[in-house]
N, C-alpha and C. Protein backbone atom coordinates (compact mmCIF):
# COMPACT_ATOMS: atom_id res chain seq x y z
N MET A 1 90.50 90.80 85.03
CA MET A 1 90.86 91.42 86.28
C MET A 1 91.64 92.70 85.99
N VAL A 2 91.22 93.77 86.61
CA VAL A 2 91.92 95.04 86.45
C VAL A 2 93.20 94.98 87.29
N ARG A 3 94.28 95.39 86.67
CA ARG A 3 95.57 95.36 87.35
C ARG A 3 95.57 96.37 88.50
N PRO A 4 96.28 96.06 89.59
CA PRO A 4 96.32 96.95 90.76
C PRO A 4 96.72 98.38 90.39
N GLY A 5 95.99 99.33 90.97
CA GLY A 5 96.29 100.74 90.78
C GLY A 5 95.78 101.34 89.47
N LEU A 6 95.07 100.55 88.65
CA LEU A 6 94.63 101.05 87.36
C LEU A 6 93.11 101.16 87.24
N ALA A 7 92.41 101.06 88.36
CA ALA A 7 90.95 101.06 88.34
C ALA A 7 90.36 102.34 87.76
N GLU A 8 90.90 103.50 88.10
CA GLU A 8 90.34 104.76 87.60
C GLU A 8 90.56 104.91 86.10
N ALA A 9 91.73 104.53 85.62
CA ALA A 9 92.00 104.59 84.18
C ALA A 9 91.09 103.62 83.44
N TYR A 10 90.88 102.45 84.02
CA TYR A 10 89.97 101.45 83.44
C TYR A 10 88.55 102.00 83.37
N ARG A 11 88.10 102.62 84.45
CA ARG A 11 86.75 103.18 84.50
C ARG A 11 86.56 104.27 83.44
N GLU A 12 87.57 105.11 83.25
CA GLU A 12 87.50 106.17 82.26
C GLU A 12 87.40 105.58 80.85
N LEU A 13 88.20 104.56 80.57
CA LEU A 13 88.14 103.90 79.26
C LEU A 13 86.79 103.22 79.04
N LEU A 14 86.21 102.66 80.08
CA LEU A 14 84.88 102.05 79.95
C LEU A 14 83.86 103.10 79.53
N GLY A 15 83.96 104.30 80.07
CA GLY A 15 83.07 105.37 79.67
C GLY A 15 83.23 105.71 78.20
N ARG A 16 84.46 105.79 77.74
CA ARG A 16 84.71 106.04 76.32
C ARG A 16 84.19 104.90 75.45
N ARG A 17 84.38 103.67 75.92
CA ARG A 17 83.92 102.50 75.17
C ARG A 17 82.39 102.51 75.06
N ALA A 18 81.71 102.84 76.15
CA ALA A 18 80.24 102.90 76.15
C ALA A 18 79.75 103.99 75.19
N ALA A 19 80.39 105.14 75.21
CA ALA A 19 80.00 106.24 74.32
C ALA A 19 80.18 105.85 72.86
N ALA A 20 81.27 105.16 72.55
CA ALA A 20 81.52 104.72 71.17
C ALA A 20 80.46 103.71 70.74
N ALA A 21 80.08 102.81 71.62
CA ALA A 21 79.03 101.83 71.29
C ALA A 21 77.70 102.53 71.04
N ARG A 22 77.36 103.50 71.88
CA ARG A 22 76.10 104.24 71.72
C ARG A 22 76.03 104.95 70.37
N ARG A 23 77.16 105.46 69.91
CA ARG A 23 77.18 106.17 68.62
C ARG A 23 76.77 105.26 67.46
N ARG A 24 76.93 103.96 67.60
CA ARG A 24 76.50 103.05 66.53
C ARG A 24 75.22 102.31 66.90
N GLY A 25 74.53 102.79 67.95
CA GLY A 25 73.25 102.22 68.32
C GLY A 25 73.32 100.99 69.19
N ALA A 26 74.46 100.75 69.81
CA ALA A 26 74.64 99.58 70.67
C ALA A 26 74.67 100.01 72.14
N ASN A 27 74.45 99.07 73.02
CA ASN A 27 74.61 99.29 74.46
C ASN A 27 75.86 98.54 74.91
N PHE A 28 76.63 99.16 75.78
CA PHE A 28 77.81 98.53 76.37
C PHE A 28 77.57 98.44 77.86
N TRP A 29 77.54 97.23 78.38
CA TRP A 29 77.22 96.98 79.79
C TRP A 29 78.46 96.52 80.54
N VAL A 30 78.55 96.92 81.80
CA VAL A 30 79.65 96.49 82.66
C VAL A 30 79.08 96.14 84.03
N PHE A 31 79.46 94.96 84.52
CA PHE A 31 79.06 94.53 85.85
C PHE A 31 80.33 94.20 86.64
N ARG A 32 80.32 94.53 87.94
CA ARG A 32 81.46 94.21 88.80
C ARG A 32 81.08 93.08 89.74
N ASN A 33 82.02 92.18 89.95
CA ASN A 33 81.82 91.05 90.85
C ASN A 33 81.82 91.56 92.29
N ARG A 34 80.78 91.26 93.05
CA ARG A 34 80.69 91.72 94.44
C ARG A 34 81.79 91.14 95.32
N GLU A 35 82.18 89.92 95.03
CA GLU A 35 83.17 89.23 95.86
C GLU A 35 84.61 89.55 95.45
N VAL A 36 84.80 89.90 94.20
CA VAL A 36 86.14 90.19 93.68
C VAL A 36 86.08 91.56 92.99
N PRO A 37 86.31 92.64 93.73
CA PRO A 37 86.09 93.99 93.22
C PRO A 37 86.85 94.36 91.95
N ASP A 38 87.94 93.68 91.64
CA ASP A 38 88.70 94.00 90.43
C ASP A 38 88.29 93.14 89.24
N ALA A 39 87.22 92.34 89.40
CA ALA A 39 86.74 91.48 88.31
C ALA A 39 85.47 92.09 87.72
N PHE A 40 85.44 92.23 86.41
CA PHE A 40 84.33 92.86 85.72
C PHE A 40 83.85 91.97 84.58
N LEU A 41 82.58 92.13 84.23
CA LEU A 41 82.00 91.49 83.06
C LEU A 41 81.57 92.62 82.14
N GLU A 42 82.10 92.63 80.92
CA GLU A 42 81.75 93.65 79.92
C GLU A 42 81.04 92.95 78.78
N PHE A 43 79.98 93.56 78.26
CA PHE A 43 79.40 93.03 77.04
C PHE A 43 78.67 94.11 76.26
N THR A 44 78.56 93.85 74.96
CA THR A 44 77.89 94.76 74.04
C THR A 44 76.59 94.12 73.60
N GLU A 45 75.54 94.92 73.59
CA GLU A 45 74.21 94.44 73.18
C GLU A 45 73.76 95.26 71.98
N THR A 46 73.29 94.56 70.95
CA THR A 46 72.76 95.23 69.77
C THR A 46 71.41 94.62 69.42
N ALA A 47 70.63 95.36 68.64
CA ALA A 47 69.31 94.88 68.24
C ALA A 47 69.39 93.82 67.16
N ASP A 48 70.57 93.67 66.56
CA ASP A 48 70.74 92.67 65.51
C ASP A 48 72.05 91.92 65.77
N ALA A 49 72.57 91.25 64.80
CA ALA A 49 73.77 90.44 64.99
C ALA A 49 75.07 91.22 64.82
N SER A 50 75.03 92.53 64.95
CA SER A 50 76.22 93.36 64.70
C SER A 50 77.09 93.59 65.93
N ALA A 51 76.88 92.88 67.02
CA ALA A 51 77.66 93.11 68.23
C ALA A 51 79.16 92.97 67.98
N GLY A 52 79.55 92.05 67.11
CA GLY A 52 80.95 91.85 66.82
C GLY A 52 81.51 92.82 65.80
N ALA A 53 80.65 93.61 65.19
CA ALA A 53 81.07 94.56 64.15
C ALA A 53 81.44 95.89 64.78
N ARG A 54 82.52 95.89 65.54
CA ARG A 54 82.94 97.09 66.25
C ARG A 54 83.61 98.08 65.30
N THR A 55 83.53 99.35 65.66
CA THR A 55 84.19 100.39 64.87
C THR A 55 85.68 100.42 65.19
N ALA A 56 86.44 101.14 64.37
CA ALA A 56 87.88 101.29 64.61
C ALA A 56 88.12 101.95 65.97
N GLU A 57 87.25 102.90 66.34
CA GLU A 57 87.38 103.56 67.64
C GLU A 57 87.20 102.56 68.78
N GLU A 58 86.18 101.71 68.67
CA GLU A 58 85.93 100.71 69.72
C GLU A 58 87.10 99.73 69.83
N ILE A 59 87.63 99.30 68.70
CA ILE A 59 88.75 98.37 68.71
C ILE A 59 89.98 99.00 69.35
N ALA A 60 90.22 100.28 69.08
CA ALA A 60 91.35 100.99 69.69
C ALA A 60 91.18 101.09 71.20
N ILE A 61 89.97 101.40 71.65
CA ILE A 61 89.72 101.51 73.09
C ILE A 61 89.88 100.14 73.74
N GLU A 62 89.39 99.09 73.09
CA GLU A 62 89.55 97.74 73.64
C GLU A 62 91.03 97.38 73.78
N SER A 63 91.85 97.81 72.84
CA SER A 63 93.28 97.57 72.93
C SER A 63 93.87 98.26 74.16
N GLU A 64 93.42 99.48 74.41
CA GLU A 64 93.86 100.20 75.62
C GLU A 64 93.39 99.50 76.88
N LEU A 65 92.15 99.00 76.87
CA LEU A 65 91.63 98.28 78.04
C LEU A 65 92.48 97.06 78.36
N ARG A 66 92.95 96.37 77.32
CA ARG A 66 93.76 95.17 77.52
C ARG A 66 95.12 95.48 78.14
N GLN A 67 95.52 96.75 78.13
CA GLN A 67 96.75 97.15 78.82
C GLN A 67 96.51 97.32 80.32
N LEU A 68 95.24 97.51 80.69
CA LEU A 68 94.90 97.76 82.09
C LEU A 68 94.32 96.55 82.81
N ALA A 69 93.85 95.57 82.04
CA ALA A 69 93.17 94.42 82.65
C ALA A 69 93.52 93.15 81.90
N GLU A 70 93.44 92.03 82.60
CA GLU A 70 93.62 90.72 81.98
C GLU A 70 92.25 90.19 81.59
N TYR A 71 92.15 89.70 80.37
CA TYR A 71 90.90 89.15 79.86
C TYR A 71 91.06 87.65 79.68
N GLY A 72 89.97 86.92 79.91
CA GLY A 72 89.99 85.47 79.75
C GLY A 72 90.08 85.07 78.29
N PRO A 73 90.38 83.81 78.03
CA PRO A 73 90.53 83.33 76.66
C PRO A 73 89.22 83.37 75.86
N ASP A 74 88.09 83.45 76.53
CA ASP A 74 86.79 83.47 75.85
C ASP A 74 86.20 84.88 75.76
N ALA A 75 87.03 85.90 75.93
CA ALA A 75 86.55 87.28 75.99
C ALA A 75 85.91 87.75 74.69
N GLU A 76 86.19 87.11 73.59
CA GLU A 76 85.65 87.53 72.30
C GLU A 76 84.44 86.70 71.86
N GLU A 77 83.92 85.87 72.73
CA GLU A 77 82.76 85.06 72.36
C GLU A 77 81.57 85.93 72.01
N VAL A 78 80.80 85.49 71.03
CA VAL A 78 79.58 86.18 70.65
C VAL A 78 78.40 85.32 71.06
N TRP A 79 77.51 85.88 71.83
CA TRP A 79 76.31 85.19 72.31
C TRP A 79 75.11 85.78 71.58
N GLU A 80 74.05 85.02 71.46
CA GLU A 80 72.83 85.53 70.86
C GLU A 80 71.66 85.21 71.77
N GLU A 81 70.62 86.00 71.64
CA GLU A 81 69.43 85.81 72.46
C GLU A 81 68.78 84.47 72.14
N PHE A 82 68.32 83.83 73.18
CA PHE A 82 67.62 82.55 73.05
C PHE A 82 66.29 82.70 73.77
N GLN A 83 65.20 82.52 73.06
CA GLN A 83 63.87 82.70 73.62
C GLN A 83 63.37 81.39 74.24
N PRO A 84 63.13 81.35 75.55
CA PRO A 84 62.58 80.15 76.19
C PRO A 84 61.19 79.85 75.64
N ALA A 85 60.83 78.58 75.66
CA ALA A 85 59.49 78.18 75.21
C ALA A 85 58.43 78.88 76.04
N GLY A 86 57.41 79.39 75.39
CA GLY A 86 56.31 80.03 76.09
C GLY A 86 56.61 81.43 76.58
N ALA A 87 57.74 81.99 76.21
CA ALA A 87 58.11 83.32 76.71
C ALA A 87 57.22 84.42 76.16
N ASP A 88 56.52 84.15 75.06
CA ASP A 88 55.64 85.17 74.47
C ASP A 88 54.32 85.28 75.21
N ALA A 89 54.00 84.29 76.02
CA ALA A 89 52.72 84.29 76.73
C ALA A 89 52.74 85.31 77.86
N PRO A 90 51.61 85.99 78.12
CA PRO A 90 51.58 86.95 79.24
C PRO A 90 51.65 86.19 80.57
N PRO A 91 52.14 86.86 81.60
CA PRO A 91 52.21 86.22 82.92
C PRO A 91 50.83 85.75 83.37
N LYS A 92 50.81 84.67 84.12
CA LYS A 92 49.54 84.14 84.64
C LYS A 92 48.88 85.17 85.53
N GLY A 93 47.56 85.25 85.46
CA GLY A 93 46.82 86.18 86.30
C GLY A 93 46.59 87.53 85.65
N THR A 94 47.05 87.70 84.41
CA THR A 94 46.83 89.00 83.76
C THR A 94 45.89 88.86 82.60
């Protein structure tokens, strides 16, 4: 949750964080909760297992973000893609 009055500073840091991720070939995504405007979901996507291998710049920006928002205890979890059975098959009718 972004602390009251800090939304613009948070948004600016998110832009810096996204740019830093792009420089190493990663995507940084942010979604806002429709019902709770100060609640956000941030995640990094990479083509390989390097999502947790952040640069010193990214780590510094994340430290700044933690001054503006409260993060849950599971904020550092690493998820990996899971392919559902049959996902390689083309859609029916094609």
